[in-house]
Amino acid sequence: MNPVYEDPVVSICCVCYNHEKTLRRALDGLLAQECNFPFEILIHDDASTDHSQEIIKEYLEKYPDRIHAILQTENQYSKRISYYRKYFFPMVRGRYIAFCECDDYWCDTKKLQTQIDVLEANKSCSVCVHGSYKITLEGKKMNEVFPPVRIPESIITAEQFIDYELGQGKWMFQLASYVVRYEVLANYYKEAFDNYATKFAHVGDLPMLLYCATQGDIYYVNRYMSCYTVDSGGFMSRAYRDPEFAKSVHEAYIEGFKAYNEFTNHRYEKSIDKGIIRRKFYIDYINKHYWKILTNPDYRFILTDMKMYLRALKRLLNSTLGKVLSKK
């Protein structure tokens, strides 16, 4: 176990809401880190209605010098309050900030040491990320991983990342893989949060990583050191199940991308424009505008993915056939 110091090198920020099924797994993964430096764990529970706060209190009693918690009595997310800006950031004491939502977990005991070593050795990098497994709520590994494209361990420029993430529509890195320099996050809240980040409305990790990309390179460690839980009942689960909510998410992405384009003085406009078109495509898909999807020239670069093309064509044929049969 790491010794306790007054000044931690890393502050780990953990968001919890009704995560009683996965909370112990998440906290144990953090506490298991083998490092030659101290770290602190900051937990924000957003007024959970299950037993999450009881579990947090149990860990607070066991690790009073390592874990610090904010236990809300009123839900902050519903008030559109940023946990990170209002609660976490004023508390952090580390030179680096790491993240782990409590339905996810770190699965490599060397994760934190590896990433801090990378950032100490690569001063040009504003953030370090790594690969992540996708798992079910029961903990079973799925076939998909982050990043969804194979890339070697390397330094990724802003142009490369924004092309992957917006131009190609790849969800590259999961929040539990981020380790960010304190000063970068401090400038993010001063310069970018109210400028463009709030336009994303429901999403906090992507606008933060987009800012990091403008402040330095991204170092990618080609190891899978965390796990992302699919269908855990959170934000992404709701987006998959609630079409109206999903549309509002895509609409917010569009506004966020437009504001980010202005923030960066149109430097990455080509990739950003593709990201905007892709979100419009998703909205049309949710609205079942299949003919528009198949005939709109703006969508051709998306439809080069044959899976997406065949899916839209199948939906169009089924929709058309259903209308014909209903008239008979």
C-alpha atoms as a PDB file:
ATOM      1  CA  MET A   1       0.000   0.000   0.000  1.00  0.00           C
ATOM      2  CA  ASN A   2       1.214   3.503  -0.807  1.00  0.00           C
ATOM      3  CA  PRO A   3       2.259   5.719   2.129  1.00  0.00           C
ATOM      4  CA  VAL A   4       0.077   8.704   2.909  1.00  0.00           C
ATOM      5  CA  TYR A   5       1.494  12.125   2.064  1.00  0.00           C
ATOM      6  CA  GLU A   6       0.073  15.598   2.531  1.00  0.00           C
ATOM      7  CA  ASP A   7       0.352  16.440  -1.175  1.00  0.00           C
ATOM      8  CA  PRO A   8      -0.858  13.774  -3.599  1.00  0.00           C
ATOM      9  CA  VAL A   9       0.635  13.659  -7.079  1.00  0.00           C
ATOM     10  CA  VAL A  10      -2.663  12.510  -8.616  1.00  0.00           C
ATOM     11  CA  SER A  11      -6.267  13.327  -7.765  1.00  0.00           C
ATOM     12  CA  ILE A  12      -8.733  10.697  -9.007  1.00  0.00           C
ATOM     13  CA  CYS A  13     -12.260  12.026  -9.600  1.00  0.00           C
ATOM     14  CA  CYS A  14     -15.095   9.510  -9.366  1.00  0.00           C
ATOM     15  CA  VAL A  15     -18.740  10.197 -10.218  1.00  0.00           C
ATOM     16  CA  CYS A  16     -21.353   7.964  -8.602  1.00  0.00           C
ATOM     17  CA  TYR A  17     -25.104   7.701  -9.060  1.00  0.00           C
ATOM     18  CA  ASN A  18     -26.963   4.495  -8.171  1.00  0.00           C
ATOM     19  CA  HIS A  19     -23.860   2.401  -8.726  1.00  0.00           C
ATOM     20  CA  GLU A  20     -24.192   0.052  -5.762  1.00  0.00           C
ATOM     21  CA  LYS A  21     -23.683  -2.987  -8.044  1.00  0.00           C
ATOM     22  CA  THR A  22     -20.322  -1.804  -9.372  1.00  0.00           C
ATOM     23  CA  LEU A  23     -19.064   0.702  -6.802  1.00  0.00           C
ATOM     24  CA  ARG A  24     -16.878  -1.667  -4.782  1.00  0.00           C
ATOM     25  CA  ARG A  25     -15.260  -2.952  -7.964  1.00  0.00           C
ATOM     26  CA  ALA A  26     -14.478   0.613  -9.035  1.00  0.00           C
ATOM     27  CA  LEU A  27     -13.019   1.697  -5.694  1.00  0.00           C
ATOM     28  CA  ASP A  28     -11.010  -1.494  -5.259  1.00  0.00           C
ATOM     29  CA  GLY A  29      -9.473  -0.965  -8.697  1.00  0.00           C
ATOM     30  CA  LEU A  30      -8.309   2.495  -7.646  1.00  0.00           C
ATOM     31  CA  LEU A  31      -6.987   1.413  -4.268  1.00  0.00           C
ATOM     32  CA  ALA A  32      -5.067  -1.464  -5.887  1.00  0.00           C
ATOM     33  CA  GLN A  33      -2.823   0.918  -7.870  1.00  0.00           C
ATOM     34  CA  GLU A  34       0.879   0.253  -7.339  1.00  0.00           C
ATOM     35  CA  CYS A  35       2.652   3.614  -7.474  1.00  0.00           C
ATOM     36  CA  ASN A  36       5.825   5.236  -6.175  1.00  0.00           C
ATOM     37  CA  PHE A  37       3.827   8.399  -5.484  1.00  0.00           C
ATOM     38  CA  PRO A  38       0.746   9.233  -3.394  1.00  0.00           C
ATOM     39  CA  PHE A  39      -2.724   9.770  -4.795  1.00  0.00           C
ATOM     40  CA  GLU A  40      -6.127  10.777  -3.471  1.00  0.00           C
ATOM     41  CA  ILE A  41      -9.612   9.581  -4.430  1.00  0.00           C
ATOM     42  CA  LEU A  42     -12.450  12.111  -4.628  1.00  0.00           C
ATOM     43  CA  ILE A  43     -15.988  10.721  -4.907  1.00  0.00           C
ATOM     44  CA  HIS A  44     -19.081  12.718  -5.784  1.00  0.00           C
ATOM     45  CA  ASP A  45     -22.358  10.909  -5.180  1.00  0.00           C
ATOM     46  CA  ASP A  46     -25.277  12.662  -6.837  1.00  0.00           C
ATOM     47  CA  ALA A  47     -27.978  11.790  -4.292  1.00  0.00           C
ATOM     48  CA  SER A  48     -28.152   8.097  -5.125  1.00  0.00           C
ATOM     49  CA  THR A  49     -31.402   6.360  -4.217  1.00  0.00           C
ATOM     50  CA  ASP A  50     -29.786   2.940  -3.734  1.00  0.00           C
ATOM     51  CA  HIS A  51     -27.110   1.924  -1.191  1.00  0.00           C
ATOM     52  CA  SER A  52     -24.219   3.740  -2.895  1.00  0.00           C
ATOM     53  CA  GLN A  53     -23.758   6.312  -0.136  1.00  0.00           C
ATOM     54  CA  GLU A  54     -23.649   3.596   2.513  1.00  0.00           C
ATOM     55  CA  ILE A  55     -20.864   1.849   0.601  1.00  0.00           C
ATOM     56  CA  ILE A  56     -18.962   5.116   0.200  1.00  0.00           C
ATOM     57  CA  LYS A  57     -19.193   5.777   3.942  1.00  0.00           C
ATOM     58  CA  GLU A  58     -17.816   2.292   4.578  1.00  0.00           C
ATOM     59  CA  TYR A  59     -14.753   3.056   2.414  1.00  0.00           C
ATOM     60  CA  LEU A  60     -14.361   6.475   4.036  1.00  0.00           C
ATOM     61  CA  GLU A  61     -14.030   4.793   7.418  1.00  0.00           C
ATOM     62  CA  LYS A  62     -11.407   2.369   6.071  1.00  0.00           C
ATOM     63  CA  TYR A  63      -9.373   4.951   4.122  1.00  0.00           C
ATOM     64  CA  PRO A  64      -9.965   8.367   5.733  1.00  0.00           C
ATOM     65  CA  ASP A  65      -6.625   9.770   4.521  1.00  0.00           C
ATOM     66  CA  ARG A  66      -7.002   8.478   0.983  1.00  0.00           C
ATOM     67  CA  ILE A  67     -10.698   8.951   0.118  1.00  0.00           C
ATOM     68  CA  HIS A  68     -12.743  12.149   0.308  1.00  0.00           C
ATOM     69  CA  ALA A  69     -16.418  12.311  -0.594  1.00  0.00           C
ATOM     70  CA  ILE A  70     -19.190  14.719  -1.434  1.00  0.00           C
ATOM     71  CA  LEU A  71     -22.545  13.119  -0.670  1.00  0.00           C
ATOM     72  CA  GLN A  72     -25.367  15.119  -2.192  1.00  0.00           C
ATOM     73  CA  THR A  73     -28.910  15.167  -0.858  1.00  0.00           C
ATOM     74  CA  GLU A  74     -30.276  16.727  -4.061  1.00  0.00           C
ATOM     75  CA  ASN A  75     -29.460  15.564  -7.572  1.00  0.00           C
ATOM     76  CA  GLN A  76     -27.095  18.012  -9.275  1.00  0.00           C
ATOM     77  CA  TYR A  77     -27.185  16.543 -12.786  1.00  0.00           C
ATOM     78  CA  SER A  78     -30.887  17.376 -13.108  1.00  0.00           C
ATOM     79  CA  LYS A  79     -29.958  21.012 -12.364  1.00  0.00           C
ATOM     80  CA  ARG A  80     -27.325  20.961 -15.133  1.00  0.00           C
ATOM     81  CA  ILE A  81     -24.546  21.574 -12.604  1.00  0.00           C
ATOM     82  CA  SER A  82     -21.060  20.414 -13.578  1.00  0.00           C
ATOM     83  CA  TYR A  83     -19.689  18.101 -10.880  1.00  0.00           C
ATOM     84  CA  TYR A  84     -16.165  18.612 -12.051  1.00  0.00           C
ATOM     85  CA  ARG A  85     -16.165  22.389 -12.184  1.00  0.00           C
ATOM     86  CA  LYS A  86     -18.191  23.108  -9.029  1.00  0.00           C
ATOM     87  CA  TYR A  87     -17.187  20.278  -6.722  1.00  0.00           C
ATOM     88  CA  PHE A  88     -14.156  18.315  -7.884  1.00  0.00           C
ATOM     89  CA  PHE A  89     -11.827  20.964  -9.230  1.00  0.00           C
ATOM     90  CA  PRO A  90     -11.785  23.142  -6.075  1.00  0.00           C
ATOM     91  CA  MET A  91     -10.861  19.995  -4.090  1.00  0.00           C
ATOM     92  CA  VAL A  92      -8.058  18.517  -6.199  1.00  0.00           C
ATOM     93  CA  ARG A  93      -4.544  18.757  -4.836  1.00  0.00           C
ATOM     94  CA  GLY A  94      -2.661  16.662  -7.375  1.00  0.00           C
ATOM     95  CA  ARG A  95      -0.477  17.807 -10.272  1.00  0.00           C
ATOM     96  CA  TYR A  96      -2.410  15.358 -12.412  1.00  0.00           C
ATOM     97  CA  ILE A  97      -6.091  14.486 -12.541  1.00  0.00           C
ATOM     98  CA  ALA A  98      -7.493  11.050 -13.402  1.00  0.00           C
ATOM     99  CA  PHE A  99     -11.089   9.899 -13.782  1.00  0.00           C
ATOM    100  CA  CYS A 100     -13.265   6.857 -13.135  1.00  0.00           C
ATOM    101  CA  GLU A 101     -17.034   6.810 -13.132  1.00  0.00           C
ATOM    102  CA  CYS A 102     -18.209   4.229 -10.644  1.00  0.00           C
ATOM    103  CA  ASP A 103     -19.844   1.883 -13.137  1.00  0.00           C
ATOM    104  CA  ASP A 104     -16.420   1.518 -14.808  1.00  0.00           C
ATOM    105  CA  TYR A 105     -13.133   0.378 -13.282  1.00  0.00           C
ATOM    106  CA  TRP A 106      -9.371   0.215 -13.678  1.00  0.00           C
ATOM    107  CA  CYS A 107      -8.190  -3.329 -14.407  1.00  0.00           C
ATOM    108  CA  ASP A 108      -4.406  -2.858 -14.386  1.00  0.00           C
ATOM    109  CA  THR A 109      -2.598  -2.141 -11.121  1.00  0.00           C
ATOM    110  CA  LYS A 110       0.193  -0.354 -13.033  1.00  0.00           C
ATOM    111  CA  LYS A 111      -2.153   1.990 -14.913  1.00  0.00           C
ATOM    112  CA  LEU A 112      -1.560   5.155 -12.913  1.00  0.00           C
ATOM    113  CA  GLN A 113       2.204   4.656 -12.622  1.00  0.00           C
ATOM    114  CA  THR A 114       2.456   4.004 -16.361  1.00  0.00           C
ATOM    115  CA  GLN A 115       0.567   7.153 -17.307  1.00  0.00           C
ATOM    116  CA  ILE A 116       2.388   9.443 -14.882  1.00  0.00           C
ATOM    117  CA  ASP A 117       5.742   8.117 -16.126  1.00  0.00           C
ATOM    118  CA  VAL A 118       4.620   8.924 -19.681  1.00  0.00           C
ATOM    119  CA  LEU A 119       3.552  12.481 -18.832  1.00  0.00           C
ATOM    120  CA  GLU A 120       6.708  13.140 -16.819  1.00  0.00           C
ATOM    121  CA  ALA A 121       8.798  12.036 -19.809  1.00  0.00           C
ATOM    122  CA  ASN A 122       6.708  13.810 -22.480  1.00  0.00           C
ATOM    123  CA  LYS A 123       6.242  17.431 -21.465  1.00  0.00           C
ATOM    124  CA  SER A 124       4.612  18.287 -24.820  1.00  0.00           C
ATOM    125  CA  CYS A 125       1.643  16.051 -23.999  1.00  0.00           C
ATOM    126  CA  SER A 126      -1.335  17.561 -22.198  1.00  0.00           C
ATOM    127  CA  VAL A 127      -3.079  14.253 -21.560  1.00  0.00           C
ATOM    128  CA  CYS A 128      -2.354  10.533 -21.552  1.00  0.00           C
ATOM    129  CA  VAL A 129      -4.928   7.914 -22.601  1.00  0.00           C
ATOM    130  CA  HIS A 130      -4.964   4.163 -23.146  1.00  0.00           C
ATOM    131  CA  GLY A 131      -7.093   1.318 -24.438  1.00  0.00           C
ATOM    132  CA  SER A 132     -10.241   0.173 -22.640  1.00  0.00           C
ATOM    133  CA  TYR A 133     -12.358  -2.967 -22.745  1.00  0.00           C
ATOM    134  CA  LYS A 134     -16.111  -2.855 -23.164  1.00  0.00           C
ATOM    135  CA  ILE A 135     -17.859  -5.088 -20.640  1.00  0.00           C
ATOM    136  CA  THR A 136     -21.384  -6.053 -19.679  1.00  0.00           C
ATOM    137  CA  LEU A 137     -22.899  -5.075 -16.346  1.00  0.00           C
ATOM    138  CA  GLU A 138     -21.985  -8.579 -15.146  1.00  0.00           C
ATOM    139  CA  GLY A 139     -18.339  -7.981 -16.075  1.00  0.00           C
ATOM    140  CA  LYS A 140     -18.117 -10.061 -19.252  1.00  0.00           C
ATOM    141  CA  LYS A 141     -15.762  -8.684 -21.895  1.00  0.00           C
ATOM    142  CA  MET A 142     -17.336  -7.807 -25.235  1.00  0.00           C
ATOM    143  CA  ASN A 143     -15.770  -7.940 -28.694  1.00  0.00           C
ATOM    144  CA  GLU A 144     -15.557  -4.150 -29.021  1.00  0.00           C
ATOM    145  CA  VAL A 145     -12.804  -2.047 -27.437  1.00  0.00           C
ATOM    146  CA  PHE A 146     -11.593   1.552 -27.223  1.00  0.00           C
ATOM    147  CA  PRO A 147     -10.116   2.833 -29.459  1.00  0.00           C
ATOM    148  CA  PRO A 148     -12.235   1.175 -32.189  1.00  0.00           C
ATOM    149  CA  VAL A 149      -9.368   1.430 -34.694  1.00  0.00           C
ATOM    150  CA  ARG A 150      -5.943  -0.106 -34.266  1.00  0.00           C
ATOM    151  CA  ILE A 151      -3.234   2.423 -33.621  1.00  0.00           C
ATOM    152  CA  PRO A 152       0.272   1.896 -32.251  1.00  0.00           C
ATOM    153  CA  GLU A 153       1.518   3.396 -29.018  1.00  0.00           C
ATOM    154  CA  SER A 154       2.283   6.916 -30.104  1.00  0.00           C
ATOM    155  CA  ILE A 155       1.892  10.645 -29.707  1.00  0.00           C
ATOM    156  CA  ILE A 156      -1.336  11.809 -31.387  1.00  0.00           C
ATOM    157  CA  THR A 157      -1.616  15.365 -32.656  1.00  0.00           C
ATOM    158  CA  ALA A 158      -4.757  17.482 -32.424  1.00  0.00           C
ATOM    159  CA  GLU A 159      -5.308  17.104 -36.177  1.00  0.00           C
ATOM    160  CA  GLN A 160      -5.109  13.313 -35.949  1.00  0.00           C
ATOM    161  CA  PHE A 161      -7.390  13.051 -32.929  1.00  0.00           C
ATOM    162  CA  ILE A 162     -10.043  15.420 -34.287  1.00  0.00           C
ATOM    163  CA  ASP A 163     -10.034  13.562 -37.597  1.00  0.00           C
ATOM    164  CA  TYR A 164     -10.531  10.219 -35.813  1.00  0.00           C
ATOM    165  CA  GLU A 165     -13.162  11.505 -33.395  1.00  0.00           C
ATOM    166  CA  LEU A 166     -15.154  13.950 -35.544  1.00  0.00           C
ATOM    167  CA  GLY A 167     -14.143  13.332 -39.150  1.00  0.00           C
ATOM    168  CA  GLN A 168     -14.378   9.548 -38.975  1.00  0.00           C
ATOM    169  CA  GLY A 169     -16.921   9.419 -36.157  1.00  0.00           C
ATOM    170  CA  LYS A 170     -14.881   7.120 -33.925  1.00  0.00           C
ATOM    171  CA  TRP A 171     -15.350   7.192 -30.166  1.00  0.00           C
ATOM    172  CA  MET A 172     -11.651   6.872 -29.494  1.00  0.00           C
ATOM    173  CA  PHE A 173     -11.002   6.996 -25.767  1.00  0.00           C
ATOM    174  CA  GLN A 174     -13.076   6.391 -22.689  1.00  0.00           C
ATOM    175  CA  LEU A 175     -13.052   8.761 -19.717  1.00  0.00           C
ATOM    176  CA  ALA A 176     -11.485   6.229 -17.315  1.00  0.00           C
ATOM    177  CA  SER A 177      -8.372   6.285 -19.505  1.00  0.00           C
ATOM    178  CA  TYR A 178      -7.704  10.032 -19.174  1.00  0.00           C
ATOM    179  CA  VAL A 179      -4.938  11.498 -17.035  1.00  0.00           C
ATOM    180  CA  VAL A 180      -4.721  15.282 -17.521  1.00  0.00           C
ATOM    181  CA  ARG A 181      -2.252  17.857 -16.270  1.00  0.00           C
ATOM    182  CA  TYR A 182      -3.724  20.124 -13.578  1.00  0.00           C
ATOM    183  CA  GLU A 183      -2.834  23.352 -15.372  1.00  0.00           C
ATOM    184  CA  VAL A 184      -4.509  22.176 -18.577  1.00  0.00           C
ATOM    185  CA  LEU A 185      -7.763  21.469 -16.768  1.00  0.00           C
ATOM    186  CA  ALA A 186      -7.501  24.773 -14.911  1.00  0.00           C
ATOM    187  CA  ASN A 187      -7.229  26.625 -18.228  1.00  0.00           C
ATOM    188  CA  TYR A 188     -10.080  24.567 -19.666  1.00  0.00           C
ATOM    189  CA  TYR A 189     -12.441  25.912 -17.008  1.00  0.00           C
ATOM    190  CA  LYS A 190     -11.137  29.466 -17.463  1.00  0.00           C
ATOM    191  CA  GLU A 191     -11.075  29.583 -21.261  1.00  0.00           C
ATOM    192  CA  ALA A 192     -13.300  26.923 -22.758  1.00  0.00           C
ATOM    193  CA  PHE A 193     -15.983  25.702 -20.402  1.00  0.00           C
ATOM    194  CA  ASP A 194     -18.374  28.624 -20.824  1.00  0.00           C
ATOM    195  CA  ASN A 195     -17.115  29.299 -24.335  1.00  0.00           C
ATOM    196  CA  TYR A 196     -18.050  26.031 -26.036  1.00  0.00           C
ATOM    197  CA  ALA A 197     -18.119  23.098 -23.602  1.00  0.00           C
ATOM    198  CA  THR A 198     -21.553  23.868 -22.123  1.00  0.00           C
ATOM    199  CA  LYS A 199     -23.044  23.742 -25.622  1.00  0.00           C
ATOM    200  CA  PHE A 200     -22.572  19.968 -25.534  1.00  0.00           C
ATOM    201  CA  ALA A 201     -25.197  19.932 -22.737  1.00  0.00           C
ATOM    202  CA  HIS A 202     -25.237  16.228 -21.832  1.00  0.00           C
ATOM    203  CA  VAL A 203     -21.589  15.384 -22.526  1.00  0.00           C
ATOM    204  CA  GLY A 204     -18.542  16.388 -20.504  1.00  0.00           C
ATOM    205  CA  ASP A 205     -15.642  14.153 -21.478  1.00  0.00           C
ATOM    206  CA  LEU A 206     -15.386  14.925 -25.215  1.00  0.00           C
ATOM    207  CA  PRO A 207     -15.256  18.757 -24.924  1.00  0.00           C
ATOM    208  CA  MET A 208     -12.575  18.354 -22.267  1.00  0.00           C
ATOM    209  CA  LEU A 209     -10.465  16.062 -24.450  1.00  0.00           C
ATOM    210  CA  LEU A 210     -10.968  18.355 -27.455  1.00  0.00           C
ATOM    211  CA  TYR A 211      -9.543  21.197 -25.373  1.00  0.00           C
ATOM    212  CA  CYS A 212      -6.619  19.058 -24.213  1.00  0.00           C
ATOM    213  CA  ALA A 213      -5.832  18.349 -27.868  1.00  0.00           C
ATOM    214  CA  THR A 214      -5.409  22.080 -28.506  1.00  0.00           C
ATOM    215  CA  GLN A 215      -3.058  22.481 -25.540  1.00  0.00           C
ATOM    216  CA  GLY A 216      -0.592  19.750 -26.400  1.00  0.00           C
ATOM    217  CA  ASP A 217      -0.307  16.306 -27.883  1.00  0.00           C
ATOM    218  CA  ILE A 218      -2.180  13.214 -26.694  1.00  0.00           C
ATOM    219  CA  TYR A 219      -0.049  10.253 -25.660  1.00  0.00           C
ATOM    220  CA  TYR A 220      -1.687   6.891 -26.344  1.00  0.00           C
ATOM    221  CA  VAL A 221      -0.521   3.896 -24.313  1.00  0.00           C
ATOM    222  CA  ASN A 222      -1.305   0.744 -26.284  1.00  0.00           C
ATOM    223  CA  ARG A 223      -2.522  -1.288 -23.311  1.00  0.00           C
ATOM    224  CA  TYR A 224      -6.021  -2.053 -22.065  1.00  0.00           C
ATOM    225  CA  MET A 225      -6.020  -0.768 -18.504  1.00  0.00           C
ATOM    226  CA  SER A 226      -9.669   0.063 -17.778  1.00  0.00           C
ATOM    227  CA  CYS A 227     -13.139  -1.311 -18.433  1.00  0.00           C
ATOM    228  CA  TYR A 228     -16.210   0.561 -19.664  1.00  0.00           C
ATOM    229  CA  THR A 229     -19.573  -0.876 -18.652  1.00  0.00           C
ATOM    230  CA  VAL A 230     -22.164  -0.954 -21.430  1.00  0.00           C
ATOM    231  CA  ASP A 231     -25.859  -0.629 -20.555  1.00  0.00           C
ATOM    232  CA  SER A 232     -25.288   0.286 -16.933  1.00  0.00           C
ATOM    233  CA  GLY A 233     -28.393   2.457 -16.820  1.00  0.00           C
ATOM    234  CA  GLY A 234     -26.564   5.752 -17.230  1.00  0.00           C
ATOM    235  CA  PHE A 235     -26.426   8.482 -19.836  1.00  0.00           C
ATOM    236  CA  MET A 236     -25.419   6.331 -22.806  1.00  0.00           C
ATOM    237  CA  SER A 237     -27.973   3.652 -21.949  1.00  0.00           C
ATOM    238  CA  ARG A 238     -30.727   6.255 -21.976  1.00  0.00           C
ATOM    239  CA  ALA A 239     -29.516   7.612 -25.325  1.00  0.00           C
ATOM    240  CA  TYR A 240     -29.781   4.147 -26.873  1.00  0.00           C
ATOM    241  CA  ARG A 241     -33.264   3.525 -25.491  1.00  0.00           C
ATOM    242  CA  ASP A 242     -34.937   6.955 -25.677  1.00  0.00           C
ATOM    243  CA  PRO A 243     -35.122   8.347 -29.259  1.00  0.00           C
ATOM    244  CA  GLU A 244     -36.159  11.842 -28.177  1.00  0.00           C
ATOM    245  CA  PHE A 245     -33.321  12.049 -25.677  1.00  0.00           C
ATOM    246  CA  ALA A 246     -30.919  10.723 -28.308  1.00  0.00           C
ATOM    247  CA  LYS A 247     -31.993  13.459 -30.707  1.00  0.00           C
ATOM    248  CA  SER A 248     -31.408  16.104 -28.059  1.00  0.00           C
ATOM    249  CA  VAL A 249     -27.915  14.682 -27.516  1.00  0.00           C
ATOM    250  CA  HIS A 250     -27.082  14.840 -31.237  1.00  0.00           C
ATOM    251  CA  GLU A 251     -28.489  18.361 -31.483  1.00  0.00           C
ATOM    252  CA  ALA A 252     -26.267  19.391 -28.570  1.00  0.00           C
ATOM    253  CA  TYR A 253     -23.253  17.813 -30.288  1.00  0.00           C
ATOM    254  CA  ILE A 254     -23.985  19.939 -33.363  1.00  0.00           C
ATOM    255  CA  GLU A 255     -24.099  23.132 -31.304  1.00  0.00           C
ATOM    256  CA  GLY A 256     -20.971  22.069 -29.426  1.00  0.00           C
ATOM    257  CA  PHE A 257     -19.049  21.340 -32.636  1.00  0.00           C
ATOM    258  CA  LYS A 258     -20.050  24.700 -34.100  1.00  0.00           C
ATOM    259  CA  ALA A 259     -18.883  26.525 -30.979  1.00  0.00           C
ATOM    260  CA  TYR A 260     -15.630  24.508 -30.905  1.00  0.00           C
ATOM    261  CA  ASN A 261     -15.035  25.458 -34.527  1.00  0.00           C
ATOM    262  CA  GLU A 262     -15.261  29.114 -33.563  1.00  0.00           C
ATOM    263  CA  PHE A 263     -13.112  28.567 -30.484  1.00  0.00           C
ATOM    264  CA  THR A 264     -10.332  27.052 -32.610  1.00  0.00           C
ATOM    265  CA  ASN A 265     -10.641  29.726 -35.315  1.00  0.00           C
ATOM    266  CA  HIS A 266     -11.812  27.145 -37.893  1.00  0.00           C
ATOM    267  CA  ARG A 267      -8.448  25.369 -37.771  1.00  0.00           C
ATOM    268  CA  TYR A 268     -10.041  21.913 -37.846  1.00  0.00           C
ATOM    269  CA  GLU A 269     -13.114  22.901 -39.843  1.00  0.00           C
ATOM    270  CA  LYS A 270     -12.997  20.049 -42.358  1.00  0.00           C
ATOM    271  CA  SER A 271     -13.197  17.374 -39.662  1.00  0.00           C
ATOM    272  CA  ILE A 272     -15.658  19.398 -37.570  1.00  0.00           C
ATOM    273  CA  ASP A 273     -18.001  19.831 -40.553  1.00  0.00           C
ATOM    274  CA  LYS A 274     -17.974  16.061 -41.038  1.00  0.00           C
ATOM    275  CA  GLY A 275     -18.817  15.635 -37.365  1.00  0.00           C
ATOM    276  CA  ILE A 276     -21.787  17.990 -37.731  1.00  0.00           C
ATOM    277  CA  ILE A 277     -23.058  16.204 -40.836  1.00  0.00           C
ATOM    278  CA  ARG A 278     -22.733  12.858 -39.064  1.00  0.00           C
ATOM    279  CA  ARG A 279     -24.918  14.077 -36.185  1.00  0.00           C
ATOM    280  CA  LYS A 280     -27.527  15.345 -38.662  1.00  0.00           C
ATOM    281  CA  PHE A 281     -27.430  11.899 -40.243  1.00  0.00           C
ATOM    282  CA  TYR A 282     -28.150  10.277 -36.870  1.00  0.00           C
ATOM    283  CA  ILE A 283     -31.090  12.620 -36.300  1.00  0.00           C
ATOM    284  CA  ASP A 284     -32.542  11.736 -39.710  1.00  0.00           C
ATOM    285  CA  TYR A 285     -32.014   8.069 -38.918  1.00  0.00           C
ATOM    286  CA  ILE A 286     -33.886   8.392 -35.617  1.00  0.00           C
ATOM    287  CA  ASN A 287     -36.657  10.273 -37.435  1.00  0.00           C
ATOM    288  CA  LYS A 288     -36.836   7.402 -39.974  1.00  0.00           C
ATOM    289  CA  HIS A 289     -36.034   9.667 -42.917  1.00  0.00           C
ATOM    290  CA  TYR A 290     -34.466   6.743 -44.771  1.00  0.00           C
ATOM    291  CA  TRP A 291     -35.008   8.063 -48.281  1.00  0.00           C
ATOM    292  CA  LYS A 292     -33.304  11.312 -47.343  1.00  0.00           C
ATOM    293  CA  ILE A 293     -30.416   9.348 -45.856  1.00  0.00           C
ATOM    294  CA  LEU A 294     -29.922   7.340 -49.038  1.00  0.00           C
ATOM    295  CA  THR A 295     -30.230  10.284 -51.445  1.00  0.00           C
ATOM    296  CA  ASN A 296     -28.645  13.212 -49.601  1.00  0.00           C
ATOM    297  CA  PRO A 297     -25.204  13.827 -51.200  1.00  0.00           C
ATOM    298  CA  ASP A 298     -23.895  15.192 -47.872  1.00  0.00           C
ATOM    299  CA  TYR A 299     -24.241  11.717 -46.395  1.00  0.00           C
ATOM    300  CA  ARG A 300     -22.259   9.851 -49.050  1.00  0.00           C
ATOM    301  CA  PHE A 301     -19.055   9.730 -47.028  1.00  0.00           C
ATOM    302  CA  ILE A 302     -21.001   8.102 -44.168  1.00  0.00           C
ATOM    303  CA  LEU A 303     -22.706   5.585 -46.434  1.00  0.00           C
ATOM    304  CA  THR A 304     -19.367   4.343 -47.728  1.00  0.00           C
ATOM    305  CA  ASP A 305     -19.611   2.208 -44.628  1.00  0.00           C
ATOM    306  CA  MET A 306     -21.646  -0.625 -46.172  1.00  0.00           C
ATOM    307  CA  LYS A 307     -23.107  -1.675 -42.847  1.00  0.00           C
ATOM    308  CA  MET A 308     -24.676   1.744 -42.382  1.00  0.00           C
ATOM    309  CA  TYR A 309     -25.890   1.797 -45.991  1.00  0.00           C
ATOM    310  CA  LEU A 310     -27.520  -1.632 -45.797  1.00  0.00           C
ATOM    311  CA  ARG A 311     -29.099  -0.817 -42.436  1.00  0.00           C
ATOM    312  CA  ALA A 312     -30.699   2.342 -43.822  1.00  0.00           C
ATOM    313  CA  LEU A 313     -31.815   0.552 -46.993  1.00  0.00           C
ATOM    314  CA  LYS A 314     -33.383  -2.266 -45.000  1.00  0.00           C
ATOM    315  CA  ARG A 315     -35.269   0.210 -42.801  1.00  0.00           C
ATOM    316  CA  LEU A 316     -36.491   2.077 -45.891  1.00  0.00           C
ATOM    317  CA  LEU A 317     -37.746  -1.102 -47.562  1.00  0.00           C
ATOM    318  CA  ASN A 318     -39.456  -2.298 -44.400  1.00  0.00           C
ATOM    319  CA  SER A 319     -41.083   1.099 -43.908  1.00  0.00           C
ATOM    320  CA  THR A 320     -42.275   1.276 -47.521  1.00  0.00           C
ATOM    321  CA  LEU A 321     -43.561  -2.293 -47.492  1.00  0.00           C
ATOM    322  CA  GLY A 322     -45.430  -1.635 -44.246  1.00  0.00           C
ATOM    323  CA  LYS A 323     -47.180   1.386 -45.743  1.00  0.00           C
ATOM    324  CA  VAL A 324     -48.176  -0.587 -48.854  1.00  0.00           C
ATOM    325  CA  LEU A 325     -49.560  -3.476 -46.832  1.00  0.00           C
ATOM    326  CA  SER A 326     -51.480  -1.144 -44.503  1.00  0.00           C
ATOM    327  CA  LYS A 327     -53.375   0.297 -47.495  1.00  0.00           C
ATOM    328  CA  LYS A 328     -54.610  -3.090 -48.645  1.00  0.00           C
END
